[in-house]
């Protein structure tokens, strides 16, 4: 990963993707510096999600990697950060190199008071 303004918010996970705090993710979202990927189920997404998020169920990731941009960072999240870890691992196995998982997931984002869409 190149050194950038997210460095203080990021740590490399044991699987090879990056864990990023809600604060770091907010900066990334504000700059529109990543493709935001929600891997929760449709009902959770419909209820509330991050601004400009795209939804692909975690179970469908491998079948839909061609829908994801190869030239952008992928910021992935789920409800609490566990399913998005599985999604991040699948993305790395599919050839993506800059995959960021929001530590604590959507709950951490909401707890920080960051905006969402319905």
PDB file of N, CA and C in Angstrom:
ATOM      1  N   UNK A   1       0.848  -1.189   0.000  1.00  0.00           N
ATOM      2  CA  UNK A   1       0.000   0.000   0.000  1.00  0.00           C
ATOM      3  C   UNK A   1       0.883   1.237   0.000  1.00  0.00           C
ATOM      4  N   UNK A   2       0.512   2.222  -0.766  1.00  0.00           N
ATOM      5  CA  UNK A   2       1.260   3.471  -0.782  1.00  0.00           C
ATOM      6  C   UNK A   2       0.964   4.241   0.503  1.00  0.00           C
ATOM      7  N   UNK A   3       1.917   5.046   0.915  1.00  0.00           N
ATOM      8  CA  UNK A   3       1.679   5.891   2.065  1.00  0.00           C
ATOM      9  C   UNK A   3       0.696   6.969   1.650  1.00  0.00           C
ATOM     10  N   UNK A   4      -0.348   7.131   2.429  1.00  0.00           N
ATOM     11  CA  UNK A   4      -1.322   8.167   2.141  1.00  0.00           C
ATOM     12  C   UNK A   4      -1.965   8.640   3.425  1.00  0.00           C
ATOM     13  N   UNK A   5      -2.977   9.458   3.301  1.00  0.00           N
ATOM     14  CA  UNK A   5      -3.581  10.049   4.486  1.00  0.00           C
ATOM     15  C   UNK A   5      -4.358   9.063   5.331  1.00  0.00           C
ATOM     16  N   UNK A   6      -4.532   7.815   4.877  1.00  0.00           N
ATOM     17  CA  UNK A   6      -5.264   6.808   5.640  1.00  0.00           C
ATOM     18  C   UNK A   6      -4.351   5.965   6.519  1.00  0.00           C
ATOM     19  N   UNK A   7      -3.048   6.135   6.373  1.00  0.00           N
ATOM     20  CA  UNK A   7      -2.082   5.263   7.022  1.00  0.00           C
ATOM     21  C   UNK A   7      -2.312   5.135   8.527  1.00  0.00           C
ATOM     22  N   UNK A   8      -2.643   6.229   9.214  1.00  0.00           N
ATOM     23  CA  UNK A   8      -2.820   6.167  10.659  1.00  0.00           C
ATOM     24  C   UNK A   8      -4.111   5.460  11.060  1.00  0.00           C
ATOM     25  N   UNK A   9      -4.986   5.173  10.095  1.00  0.00           N
ATOM     26  CA  UNK A   9      -6.265   4.528  10.386  1.00  0.00           C
ATOM     27  C   UNK A   9      -6.283   3.065   9.950  1.00  0.00           C
ATOM     28  N   UNK A  10      -5.182   2.570   9.419  1.00  0.00           N
ATOM     29  CA  UNK A  10      -5.168   1.281   8.738  1.00  0.00           C
ATOM     30  C   UNK A  10      -4.135   0.338   9.345  1.00  0.00           C
ATOM     31  N   UNK A  11      -4.478  -0.947   9.383  1.00  0.00           N
ATOM     32  CA  UNK A  11      -3.505  -1.988   9.706  1.00  0.00           C
ATOM     33  C   UNK A  11      -3.746  -3.153   8.753  1.00  0.00           C
ATOM     34  N   UNK A  12      -2.694  -3.871   8.418  1.00  0.00           N
ATOM     35  CA  UNK A  12      -2.824  -4.988   7.484  1.00  0.00           C
ATOM     36  C   UNK A  12      -3.299  -6.217   8.257  1.00  0.00           C
ATOM     37  N   UNK A  13      -4.315  -6.854   7.725  1.00  0.00           N
ATOM     38  CA  UNK A  13      -4.910  -8.025   8.333  1.00  0.00           C
ATOM     39  C   UNK A  13      -4.075  -9.261   8.039  1.00  0.00           C
ATOM     40  N   UNK A  14      -4.276 -10.321   8.808  1.00  0.00           N
ATOM     41  CA  UNK A  14      -3.537 -11.578   8.592  1.00  0.00           C
ATOM     42  C   UNK A  14      -3.804 -12.188   7.223  1.00  0.00           C
ATOM     43  N   UNK A  15      -4.944 -11.839   6.603  1.00  0.00           N
ATOM     44  CA  UNK A  15      -5.282 -12.391   5.300  1.00  0.00           C
ATOM     45  C   UNK A  15      -4.718 -11.554   4.153  1.00  0.00           C
ATOM     46  N   UNK A  16      -4.237 -10.340   4.454  1.00  0.00           N
ATOM     47  CA  UNK A  16      -3.625  -9.516   3.427  1.00  0.00           C
ATOM     48  C   UNK A  16      -4.417  -8.286   3.027  1.00  0.00           C
ATOM     49  N   UNK A  17      -5.640  -8.150   3.533  1.00  0.00           N
ATOM     50  CA  UNK A  17      -6.374  -6.919   3.256  1.00  0.00           C
ATOM     51  C   UNK A  17      -6.166  -5.955   4.417  1.00  0.00           C
ATOM     52  N   UNK A  18      -6.697  -4.770   4.306  1.00  0.00           N
ATOM     53  CA  UNK A  18      -6.467  -3.741   5.295  1.00  0.00           C
ATOM     54  C   UNK A  18      -7.691  -3.543   6.176  1.00  0.00           C
ATOM     55  N   UNK A  19      -7.475  -3.520   7.484  1.00  0.00           N
ATOM     56  CA  UNK A  19      -8.526  -3.136   8.414  1.00  0.00           C
ATOM     57  C   UNK A  19      -8.431  -1.632   8.579  1.00  0.00           C
ATOM     58  N   UNK A  20      -9.576  -0.969   8.480  1.00  0.00           N
ATOM     59  CA  UNK A  20      -9.593   0.491   8.586  1.00  0.00           C
ATOM     60  C   UNK A  20     -10.655   0.893   9.602  1.00  0.00           C
ATOM     61  N   UNK A  21     -10.343   1.876  10.409  1.00  0.00           N
ATOM     62  CA  UNK A  21     -11.292   2.354  11.410  1.00  0.00           C
ATOM     63  C   UNK A  21     -12.443   3.080  10.730  1.00  0.00           C
ATOM     64  N   UNK A  22     -13.530   3.254  11.461  1.00  0.00           N
ATOM     65  CA  UNK A  22     -14.662   4.002  10.918  1.00  0.00           C
ATOM     66  C   UNK A  22     -14.227   5.420  10.544  1.00  0.00           C
ATOM     67  N   UNK A  23     -13.352   6.005  11.343  1.00  0.00           N
ATOM     68  CA  UNK A  23     -12.868   7.360  11.050  1.00  0.00           C
ATOM     69  C   UNK A  23     -12.099   7.404   9.728  1.00  0.00           C
ATOM     70  N   UNK A  24     -11.226   6.442   9.521  1.00  0.00           N
ATOM     71  CA  UNK A  24     -10.488   6.371   8.267  1.00  0.00           C
ATOM     72  C   UNK A  24     -11.406   6.104   7.090  1.00  0.00           C
ATOM     73  N   UNK A  25     -12.393   5.214   7.296  1.00  0.00           N
ATOM     74  CA  UNK A  25     -13.366   4.911   6.241  1.00  0.00           C
ATOM     75  C   UNK A  25     -14.170   6.155   5.883  1.00  0.00           C
ATOM     76  N   UNK A  26     -14.517   6.949   6.876  1.00  0.00           N
ATOM     77  CA  UNK A  26     -15.278   8.187   6.628  1.00  0.00           C
ATOM     78  C   UNK A  26     -14.476   9.121   5.735  1.00  0.00           C
ATOM     79  N   UNK A  27     -13.185   9.239   5.996  1.00  0.00           N
ATOM     80  CA  UNK A  27     -12.333  10.087   5.156  1.00  0.00           C
ATOM     81  C   UNK A  27     -12.305   9.558   3.723  1.00  0.00           C
ATOM     82  N   UNK A  28     -12.218   8.247   3.583  1.00  0.00           N
ATOM     83  CA  UNK A  28     -12.185   7.623   2.264  1.00  0.00           C
ATOM     84  C   UNK A  28     -13.508   7.869   1.524  1.00  0.00           C
ATOM     85  N   UNK A  29     -14.618   7.713   2.222  1.00  0.00           N
ATOM     86  CA  UNK A  29     -15.945   7.930   1.628  1.00  0.00           C
ATOM     87  C   UNK A  29     -16.117   9.403   1.243  1.00  0.00           C
ATOM     88  N   UNK A  30     -15.717  10.302   2.120  1.00  0.00           N
ATOM     89  CA  UNK A  30     -15.853  11.731   1.840  1.00  0.00           C
ATOM     90  C   UNK A  30     -15.077  12.147   0.591  1.00  0.00           C
ATOM     91  N   UNK A  31     -13.916  11.531   0.369  1.00  0.00           N
ATOM     92  CA  UNK A  31     -13.101  11.858  -0.801  1.00  0.00           C
ATOM     93  C   UNK A  31     -13.538  11.076  -2.037  1.00  0.00           C
ATOM     94  N   UNK A  32     -14.513  10.179  -1.854  1.00  0.00           N
ATOM     95  CA  UNK A  32     -14.961   9.297  -2.944  1.00  0.00           C
ATOM     96  C   UNK A  32     -13.759   8.556  -3.524  1.00  0.00           C
ATOM     97  N   UNK A  33     -12.921   8.075  -2.609  1.00  0.00           N
ATOM     98  CA  UNK A  33     -11.656   7.450  -2.954  1.00  0.00           C
ATOM     99  C   UNK A  33     -11.737   5.925  -2.979  1.00  0.00           C
ATOM    100  N   UNK A  34     -12.967   5.381  -2.930  1.00  0.00           N
ATOM    101  CA  UNK A  34     -13.113   3.925  -2.936  1.00  0.00           C
ATOM    102  C   UNK A  34     -14.495   3.539  -3.435  1.00  0.00           C
ATOM    103  N   UNK A  35     -14.583   2.319  -3.919  1.00  0.00           N
ATOM    104  CA  UNK A  35     -15.856   1.701  -4.259  1.00  0.00           C
ATOM    105  C   UNK A  35     -16.381   1.117  -2.953  1.00  0.00           C
ATOM    106  N   UNK A  36     -17.533   1.592  -2.491  1.00  0.00           N
ATOM    107  CA  UNK A  36     -18.084   1.167  -1.201  1.00  0.00           C
ATOM    108  C   UNK A  36     -18.968  -0.054  -1.418  1.00  0.00           C
ATOM    109  N   UNK A  37     -18.613  -1.154  -0.764  1.00  0.00           N
ATOM    110  CA  UNK A  37     -19.285  -2.431  -0.963  1.00  0.00           C
ATOM    111  C   UNK A  37     -19.906  -2.930   0.337  1.00  0.00           C
ATOM    112  N   UNK A  38     -21.226  -3.043   0.343  1.00  0.00           N
ATOM    113  CA  UNK A  38     -21.993  -3.565   1.477  1.00  0.00           C
ATOM    114  C   UNK A  38     -22.270  -5.037   1.191  1.00  0.00           C
ATOM    115  N   UNK A  39     -21.840  -5.929   2.084  1.00  0.00           N
ATOM    116  CA  UNK A  39     -22.042  -7.357   1.866  1.00  0.00           C
ATOM    117  C   UNK A  39     -23.124  -7.941   2.779  1.00  0.00           C
ATOM    118  N   UNK A  40     -23.947  -7.070   3.360  1.00  0.00           N
ATOM    119  CA  UNK A  40     -25.055  -7.532   4.192  1.00  0.00           C
ATOM    120  C   UNK A  40     -26.210  -7.994   3.307  1.00  0.00           C
ATOM    121  N   UNK A  41     -27.245  -8.537   3.926  1.00  0.00           N
ATOM    122  CA  UNK A  41     -28.396  -8.993   3.140  1.00  0.00           C
ATOM    123  C   UNK A  41     -29.227  -7.803   2.664  1.00  0.00           C
ATOM    124  N   UNK A  42     -30.134  -8.075   1.750  1.00  0.00           N
ATOM    125  CA  UNK A  42     -30.927  -7.020   1.123  1.00  0.00           C
ATOM    126  C   UNK A  42     -31.756  -6.227   2.137  1.00  0.00           C
ATOM    127  N   UNK A  43     -32.338  -6.913   3.119  1.00  0.00           N
ATOM    128  CA  UNK A  43     -33.176  -6.238   4.117  1.00  0.00           C
ATOM    129  C   UNK A  43     -32.364  -5.223   4.925  1.00  0.00           C
ATOM    130  N   UNK A  44     -31.177  -5.600   5.345  1.00  0.00           N
ATOM    131  CA  UNK A  44     -30.325  -4.683   6.103  1.00  0.00           C
ATOM    132  C   UNK A  44     -29.914  -3.494   5.242  1.00  0.00           C
ATOM    133  N   UNK A  45     -29.555  -3.767   3.988  1.00  0.00           N
ATOM    134  CA  UNK A  45     -29.164  -2.699   3.070  1.00  0.00           C
ATOM    135  C   UNK A  45     -30.325  -1.730   2.849  1.00  0.00           C
ATOM    136  N   UNK A  46     -31.529  -2.268   2.615  1.00  0.00           N
ATOM    137  CA  UNK A  46     -32.701  -1.432   2.369  1.00  0.00           C
ATOM    138  C   UNK A  46     -33.046  -0.566   3.573  1.00  0.00           C
ATOM    139  N   UNK A  47     -32.797  -1.078   4.756  1.00  0.00           N
ATOM    140  CA  UNK A  47     -33.100  -0.325   5.978  1.00  0.00           C
ATOM    141  C   UNK A  47     -32.172   0.886   6.115  1.00  0.00           C
ATOM    142  N   UNK A  48     -30.882   0.659   5.839  1.00  0.00           N
ATOM    143  CA  UNK A  48     -29.900   1.736   6.002  1.00  0.00           C
ATOM    144  C   UNK A  48     -28.536   1.255   5.522  1.00  0.00           C
ATOM    145  N   UNK A  49     -27.771   2.147   4.883  1.00  0.00           N
ATOM    146  CA  UNK A  49     -26.443   1.806   4.387  1.00  0.00           C
ATOM    147  C   UNK A  49     -25.593   3.062   4.238  1.00  0.00           C
ATOM    148  N   UNK A  50     -24.320   2.870   3.956  1.00  0.00           N
ATOM    149  CA  UNK A  50     -23.429   4.003   3.720  1.00  0.00           C
ATOM    150  C   UNK A  50     -23.783   4.675   2.401  1.00  0.00           C
ATOM    151  N   UNK A  51     -23.516   5.967   2.329  1.00  0.00           N
ATOM    152  CA  UNK A  51     -23.774   6.736   1.119  1.00  0.00           C
ATOM    153  C   UNK A  51     -23.018   6.125  -0.064  1.00  0.00           C
ATOM    154  N   UNK A  52     -23.698   6.021  -1.190  1.00  0.00           N
ATOM    155  CA  UNK A  52     -23.120   5.511  -2.436  1.00  0.00           C
ATOM    156  C   UNK A  52     -22.670   4.048  -2.366  1.00  0.00           C
ATOM    157  N   UNK A  53     -23.181   3.305  -1.384  1.00  0.00           N
ATOM    158  CA  UNK A  53     -22.796   1.892  -1.266  1.00  0.00           C
ATOM    159  C   UNK A  53     -23.469   1.057  -2.347  1.00  0.00           C
ATOM    160  N   UNK A  54     -22.758   0.022  -2.759  1.00  0.00           N
ATOM    161  CA  UNK A  54     -23.268  -0.977  -3.696  1.00  0.00           C
ATOM    162  C   UNK A  54     -23.389  -2.268  -2.903  1.00  0.00           C
ATOM    163  N   UNK A  55     -24.457  -3.018  -3.132  1.00  0.00           N
ATOM    164  CA  UNK A  55     -24.656  -4.236  -2.346  1.00  0.00           C
ATOM    165  C   UNK A  55     -24.426  -5.485  -3.185  1.00  0.00           C
ATOM    166  N   UNK A  56     -23.580  -6.342  -2.658  1.00  0.00           N
ATOM    167  CA  UNK A  56     -23.422  -7.688  -3.189  1.00  0.00           C
ATOM    168  C   UNK A  56     -23.368  -8.600  -1.969  1.00  0.00           C
ATOM    169  N   UNK A  57     -24.244  -9.568  -1.914  1.00  0.00           N
ATOM    170  CA  UNK A  57     -24.262 -10.499  -0.792  1.00  0.00           C
ATOM    171  C   UNK A  57     -22.918 -11.201  -0.691  1.00  0.00           C
ATOM    172  N   UNK A  58     -22.459 -11.385   0.523  1.00  0.00           N
ATOM    173  CA  UNK A  58     -21.156 -12.014   0.740  1.00  0.00           C
ATOM    174  C   UNK A  58     -21.059 -13.375   0.047  1.00  0.00           C
ATOM    175  N   UNK A  59     -22.166 -14.085  -0.052  1.00  0.00           N
ATOM    176  CA  UNK A  59     -22.157 -15.405  -0.695  1.00  0.00           C
ATOM    177  C   UNK A  59     -22.026 -15.322  -2.211  1.00  0.00           C
ATOM    178  N   UNK A  60     -22.269 -14.136  -2.791  1.00  0.00           N
ATOM    179  CA  UNK A  60     -22.204 -13.956  -4.236  1.00  0.00           C
ATOM    180  C   UNK A  60     -20.925 -13.272  -4.724  1.00  0.00           C
ATOM    181  N   UNK A  61     -20.057 -12.909  -3.811  1.00  0.00           N
ATOM    182  CA  UNK A  61     -18.853 -12.136  -4.170  1.00  0.00           C
ATOM    183  C   UNK A  61     -18.078 -12.794  -5.320  1.00  0.00           C
ATOM    184  N   UNK A  62     -17.785 -14.064  -5.188  1.00  0.00           N
ATOM    185  CA  UNK A  62     -16.959 -14.739  -6.203  1.00  0.00           C
ATOM    186  C   UNK A  62     -17.607 -14.713  -7.582  1.00  0.00           C
ATOM    187  N   UNK A  63     -18.937 -14.746  -7.623  1.00  0.00           N
ATOM    188  CA  UNK A  63     -19.644 -14.755  -8.900  1.00  0.00           C
ATOM    189  C   UNK A  63     -19.829 -13.358  -9.495  1.00  0.00           C
ATOM    190  N   UNK A  64     -19.548 -12.328  -8.704  1.00  0.00           N
ATOM    191  CA  UNK A  64     -19.822 -10.968  -9.166  1.00  0.00           C
ATOM    192  C   UNK A  64     -18.595 -10.054  -9.148  1.00  0.00           C
ATOM    193  N   UNK A  65     -17.416 -10.629  -9.081  1.00  0.00           N
ATOM    194  CA  UNK A  65     -16.210  -9.793  -9.050  1.00  0.00           C
ATOM    195  C   UNK A  65     -16.067  -8.941 -10.299  1.00  0.00           C
ATOM    196  N   UNK A  66     -16.655  -9.395 -11.406  1.00  0.00           N
ATOM    197  CA  UNK A  66     -16.561  -8.607 -12.637  1.00  0.00           C
ATOM    198  C   UNK A  66     -17.384  -7.324 -12.564  1.00  0.00           C
ATOM    199  N   UNK A  67     -18.235  -7.185 -11.548  1.00  0.00           N
ATOM    200  CA  UNK A  67     -19.025  -5.963 -11.355  1.00  0.00           C
ATOM    201  C   UNK A  67     -18.261  -4.917 -10.545  1.00  0.00           C
ATOM    202  N   UNK A  68     -17.093  -5.288 -10.039  1.00  0.00           N
ATOM    203  CA  UNK A  68     -16.310  -4.391  -9.190  1.00  0.00           C
ATOM    204  C   UNK A  68     -15.175  -3.754  -9.981  1.00  0.00           C
ATOM    205  N   UNK A  69     -14.895  -2.489  -9.714  1.00  0.00           N
ATOM    206  CA  UNK A  69     -13.807  -1.823 -10.443  1.00  0.00           C
ATOM    207  C   UNK A  69     -12.436  -2.331  -9.995  1.00  0.00           C
ATOM    208  N   UNK A  70     -11.598  -2.645 -10.953  1.00  0.00           N
ATOM    209  CA  UNK A  70     -10.242  -3.117 -10.655  1.00  0.00           C
ATOM    210  C   UNK A  70      -9.295  -1.960 -10.330  1.00  0.00           C
ATOM    211  N   UNK A  71      -9.692  -0.746 -10.702  1.00  0.00           N
ATOM    212  CA  UNK A  71      -8.794   0.399 -10.572  1.00  0.00           C
ATOM    213  C   UNK A  71      -9.078   1.281  -9.356  1.00  0.00           C
ATOM    214  N   UNK A  72      -9.914   0.813  -8.429  1.00  0.00           N
ATOM    215  CA  UNK A  72     -10.237   1.592  -7.234  1.00  0.00           C
ATOM    216  C   UNK A  72     -10.021   0.754  -5.993  1.00  0.00           C
ATOM    217  N   UNK A  73      -9.835   1.434  -4.875  1.00  0.00           N
ATOM    218  CA  UNK A  73      -9.830   0.754  -3.586  1.00  0.00           C
ATOM    219  C   UNK A  73     -11.244   0.221  -3.357  1.00  0.00           C
ATOM    220  N   UNK A  74     -11.351  -0.922  -2.702  1.00  0.00           N
ATOM    221  CA  UNK A  74     -12.647  -1.486  -2.347  1.00  0.00           C
ATOM    222  C   UNK A  74     -12.789  -1.358  -0.836  1.00  0.00           C
ATOM    223  N   UNK A  75     -13.789  -0.614  -0.402  1.00  0.00           N
ATOM    224  CA  UNK A  75     -14.093  -0.449   1.021  1.00  0.00           C
ATOM    225  C   UNK A  75     -15.296  -1.332   1.319  1.00  0.00           C
ATOM    226  N   UNK A  76     -15.061  -2.412   2.029  1.00  0.00           N
ATOM    227  CA  UNK A  76     -16.112  -3.404   2.253  1.00  0.00           C
ATOM    228  C   UNK A  76     -16.559  -3.387   3.711  1.00  0.00           C
ATOM    229  N   UNK A  77     -17.857  -3.583   3.917  1.00  0.00           N
ATOM    230  CA  UNK A  77     -18.368  -3.647   5.287  1.00  0.00           C
ATOM    231  C   UNK A  77     -19.583  -4.561   5.373  1.00  0.00           C
ATOM    232  N   UNK A  78     -19.814  -5.027   6.601  1.00  0.00           N
ATOM    233  CA  UNK A  78     -21.015  -5.791   6.923  1.00  0.00           C
ATOM    234  C   UNK A  78     -21.561  -5.180   8.210  1.00  0.00           C
ATOM    235  N   UNK A  79     -22.316  -5.919   8.964  1.00  0.00           N
ATOM    236  CA  UNK A  79     -22.923  -5.359  10.176  1.00  0.00           C
ATOM    237  C   UNK A  79     -21.887  -5.101  11.267  1.00  0.00           C
ATOM    238  N   UNK A  80     -21.028  -6.095  11.549  1.00  0.00           N
ATOM    239  CA  UNK A  80     -20.056  -5.925  12.635  1.00  0.00           C
ATOM    240  C   UNK A  80     -18.606  -6.188  12.220  1.00  0.00           C
ATOM    241  N   UNK A  81     -18.364  -6.477  10.960  1.00  0.00           N
ATOM    242  CA  UNK A  81     -17.000  -6.626  10.476  1.00  0.00           C
ATOM    243  C   UNK A  81     -16.518  -8.046  10.265  1.00  0.00           C
ATOM    244  N   UNK A  82     -17.367  -9.046  10.520  1.00  0.00           N
ATOM    245  CA  UNK A  82     -16.935 -10.435  10.373  1.00  0.00           C
ATOM    246  C   UNK A  82     -17.156 -10.946   8.952  1.00  0.00           C
ATOM    247  N   UNK A  83     -18.366 -10.800   8.416  1.00  0.00           N
ATOM    248  CA  UNK A  83     -18.639 -11.247   7.049  1.00  0.00           C
ATOM    249  C   UNK A  83     -17.804 -10.475   6.032  1.00  0.00           C
ATOM    250  N   UNK A  84     -17.540  -9.218   6.330  1.00  0.00           N
ATOM    251  CA  UNK A  84     -16.726  -8.428   5.403  1.00  0.00           C
ATOM    252  C   UNK A  84     -15.277  -8.913   5.386  1.00  0.00           C
ATOM    253  N   UNK A  85     -14.823  -9.543   6.468  1.00  0.00           N
ATOM    254  CA  UNK A  85     -13.490 -10.155   6.455  1.00  0.00           C
ATOM    255  C   UNK A  85     -13.471 -11.312   5.461  1.00  0.00           C
ATOM    256  N   UNK A  86     -14.527 -12.124   5.470  1.00  0.00           N
ATOM    257  CA  UNK A  86     -14.625 -13.235   4.513  1.00  0.00           C
ATOM    258  C   UNK A  86     -14.687 -12.692   3.089  1.00  0.00           C
ATOM    259  N   UNK A  87     -15.447 -11.627   2.897  1.00  0.00           N
ATOM    260  CA  UNK A  87     -15.552 -11.003   1.569  1.00  0.00           C
ATOM    261  C   UNK A  87     -14.202 -10.450   1.138  1.00  0.00           C
ATOM    262  N   UNK A  88     -13.488  -9.803   2.055  1.00  0.00           N
ATOM    263  CA  UNK A  88     -12.167  -9.258   1.747  1.00  0.00           C
ATOM    264  C   UNK A  88     -11.198 -10.340   1.311  1.00  0.00           C
ATOM    265  N   UNK A  89     -11.236 -11.470   1.987  1.00  0.00           N
ATOM    266  CA  UNK A  89     -10.369 -12.587   1.618  1.00  0.00           C
ATOM    267  C   UNK A  89     -10.713 -13.081   0.211  1.00  0.00           C
ATOM    268  N   UNK A  90     -12.001 -13.195  -0.099  1.00  0.00           N
ATOM    269  CA  UNK A  90     -12.419 -13.639  -1.437  1.00  0.00           C
ATOM    270  C   UNK A  90     -11.986 -12.632  -2.506  1.00  0.00           C
ATOM    271  N   UNK A  91     -12.059 -11.354  -2.186  1.00  0.00           N
ATOM    272  CA  UNK A  91     -11.641 -10.327  -3.151  1.00  0.00           C
ATOM    273  C   UNK A  91     -10.143 -10.422  -3.433  1.00  0.00           C
ATOM    274  N   UNK A  92      -9.353 -10.631  -2.395  1.00  0.00           N
ATOM    275  CA  UNK A  92      -7.906 -10.798  -2.594  1.00  0.00           C
ATOM    276  C   UNK A  92      -7.625 -12.019  -3.465  1.00  0.00           C
ATOM    277  N   UNK A  93      -8.328 -13.101  -3.197  1.00  0.00           N
ATOM    278  CA  UNK A  93      -8.138 -14.316  -3.991  1.00  0.00           C
ATOM    279  C   UNK A  93      -8.548 -14.103  -5.451  1.00  0.00           C
ATOM    280  N   UNK A  94      -9.411 -13.113  -5.686  1.00  0.00           N
ATOM    281  CA  UNK A  94      -9.875 -12.811  -7.045  1.00  0.00           C
ATOM    282  C   UNK A  94      -9.015 -11.760  -7.738  1.00  0.00           C
ATOM    283  N   UNK A  95      -7.923 -11.344  -7.097  1.00  0.00           N
ATOM    284  CA  UNK A  95      -6.975 -10.452  -7.749  1.00  0.00           C
ATOM    285  C   UNK A  95      -7.031  -8.991  -7.334  1.00  0.00           C
ATOM    286  N   UNK A  96      -7.904  -8.634  -6.413  1.00  0.00           N
ATOM    287  CA  UNK A  96      -7.940  -7.250  -5.931  1.00  0.00           C
ATOM    288  C   UNK A  96      -6.836  -7.069  -4.902  1.00  0.00           C
ATOM    289  N   UNK A  97      -6.177  -5.904  -4.930  1.00  0.00           N
ATOM    290  CA  UNK A  97      -5.057  -5.702  -4.017  1.00  0.00           C
ATOM    291  C   UNK A  97      -5.327  -4.668  -2.931  1.00  0.00           C
ATOM    292  N   UNK A  98      -6.193  -3.722  -3.199  1.00  0.00           N
ATOM    293  CA  UNK A  98      -6.463  -2.685  -2.203  1.00  0.00           C
ATOM    294  C   UNK A  98      -7.872  -2.846  -1.662  1.00  0.00           C
ATOM    295  N   UNK A  99      -7.994  -3.773  -0.713  1.00  0.00           N
ATOM    296  CA  UNK A  99      -9.274  -4.085  -0.090  1.00  0.00           C
ATOM    297  C   UNK A  99      -9.208  -3.620   1.362  1.00  0.00           C
ATOM    298  N   UNK A 100     -10.190  -2.814   1.759  1.00  0.00           N
ATOM    299  CA  UNK A 100     -10.259  -2.254   3.103  1.00  0.00           C
ATOM    300  C   UNK A 100     -11.538  -2.730   3.784  1.00  0.00           C
ATOM    301  N   UNK A 101     -11.402  -3.266   4.982  1.00  0.00           N
ATOM    302  CA  UNK A 101     -12.521  -3.748   5.774  1.00  0.00           C
ATOM    303  C   UNK A 101     -12.749  -2.785   6.942  1.00  0.00           C
ATOM    304  N   UNK A 102     -13.968  -2.274   7.081  1.00  0.00           N
ATOM    305  CA  UNK A 102     -14.253  -1.372   8.204  1.00  0.00           C
ATOM    306  C   UNK A 102     -14.316  -2.197   9.487  1.00  0.00           C
ATOM    307  N   UNK A 103     -13.365  -1.959  10.377  1.00  0.00           N
ATOM    308  CA  UNK A 103     -13.331  -2.636  11.667  1.00  0.00           C
ATOM    309  C   UNK A 103     -14.586  -2.267  12.454  1.00  0.00           C
ATOM    310  N   UNK A 104     -15.322  -3.273  12.880  1.00  0.00           N
ATOM    311  CA  UNK A 104     -16.561  -3.018  13.617  1.00  0.00           C
ATOM    312  C   UNK A 104     -17.760  -2.821  12.723  1.00  0.00           C
ATOM    313  N   UNK A 105     -17.522  -2.785  11.405  1.00  0.00           N
ATOM    314  CA  UNK A 105     -18.598  -2.740  10.424  1.00  0.00           C
ATOM    315  C   UNK A 105     -19.546  -1.549  10.523  1.00  0.00           C
ATOM    316  N   UNK A 106     -20.761  -1.792  10.055  1.00  0.00           N
ATOM    317  CA  UNK A 106     -21.783  -0.752  10.004  1.00  0.00           C
ATOM    318  C   UNK A 106     -22.106  -0.239  11.406  1.00  0.00           C
ATOM    319  N   UNK A 107     -22.077  -1.126  12.390  1.00  0.00           N
ATOM    320  CA  UNK A 107     -22.381  -0.706  13.767  1.00  0.00           C
ATOM    321  C   UNK A 107     -21.373   0.328  14.256  1.00  0.00           C
ATOM    322  N   UNK A 108     -20.103   0.125  13.957  1.00  0.00           N
ATOM    323  CA  UNK A 108     -19.063   1.079  14.357  1.00  0.00           C
ATOM    324  C   UNK A 108     -19.269   2.420  13.644  1.00  0.00           C
ATOM    325  N   UNK A 109     -19.622   2.364  12.368  1.00  0.00           N
ATOM    326  CA  UNK A 109     -19.898   3.573  11.580  1.00  0.00           C
ATOM    327  C   UNK A 109     -21.037   4.368  12.218  1.00  0.00           C
ATOM    328  N   UNK A 110     -22.123   3.665  12.536  1.00  0.00           N
ATOM    329  CA  UNK A 110     -23.288   4.326  13.147  1.00  0.00           C
ATOM    330  C   UNK A 110     -22.964   4.878  14.528  1.00  0.00           C
ATOM    331  N   UNK A 111     -22.233   4.100  15.310  1.00  0.00           N
ATOM    332  CA  UNK A 111     -21.879   4.531  16.663  1.00  0.00           C
ATOM    333  C   UNK A 111     -21.043   5.811  16.637  1.00  0.00           C
ATOM    334  N   UNK A 112     -20.247   5.968  15.576  1.00  0.00           N
ATOM    335  CA  UNK A 112     -19.439   7.184  15.430  1.00  0.00           C
ATOM    336  C   UNK A 112     -20.297   8.376  14.998  1.00  0.00           C
ATOM    337  N   UNK A 113     -21.550   8.106  14.637  1.00  0.00           N
ATOM    338  CA  UNK A 113     -22.447   9.197  14.246  1.00  0.00           C
ATOM    339  C   UNK A 113     -22.321   9.623  12.792  1.00  0.00           C
ATOM    340  N   UNK A 114     -21.705   8.785  11.961  1.00  0.00           N
ATOM    341  CA  UNK A 114     -21.516   9.135  10.567  1.00  0.00           C
ATOM    342  C   UNK A 114     -22.809   8.928   9.790  1.00  0.00           C
ATOM    343  N   UNK A 115     -22.989   9.688   8.708  1.00  0.00           N
ATOM    344  CA  UNK A 115     -24.269   9.649   7.968  1.00  0.00           C
ATOM    345  C   UNK A 115     -24.495   8.339   7.213  1.00  0.00           C
ATOM    346  N   UNK A 116     -25.775   8.039   7.034  1.00  0.00           N
ATOM    347  CA  UNK A 116     -26.185   6.853   6.292  1.00  0.00           C
ATOM    348  C   UNK A 116     -27.332   7.255   5.349  1.00  0.00           C
ATOM    349  N   UNK A 117     -27.673   6.340   4.472  1.00  0.00           N
ATOM    350  CA  UNK A 117     -28.799   6.540   3.553  1.00  0.00           C
ATOM    351  C   UNK A 117     -29.811   5.432   3.784  1.00  0.00           C
ATOM    352  N   UNK A 118     -31.044   5.733   3.404  1.00  0.00           N
ATOM    353  CA  UNK A 118     -32.098   4.712   3.484  1.00  0.00           C
ATOM    354  C   UNK A 118     -32.633   4.458   2.099  1.00  0.00           C
TER     355      UNK A 118
END
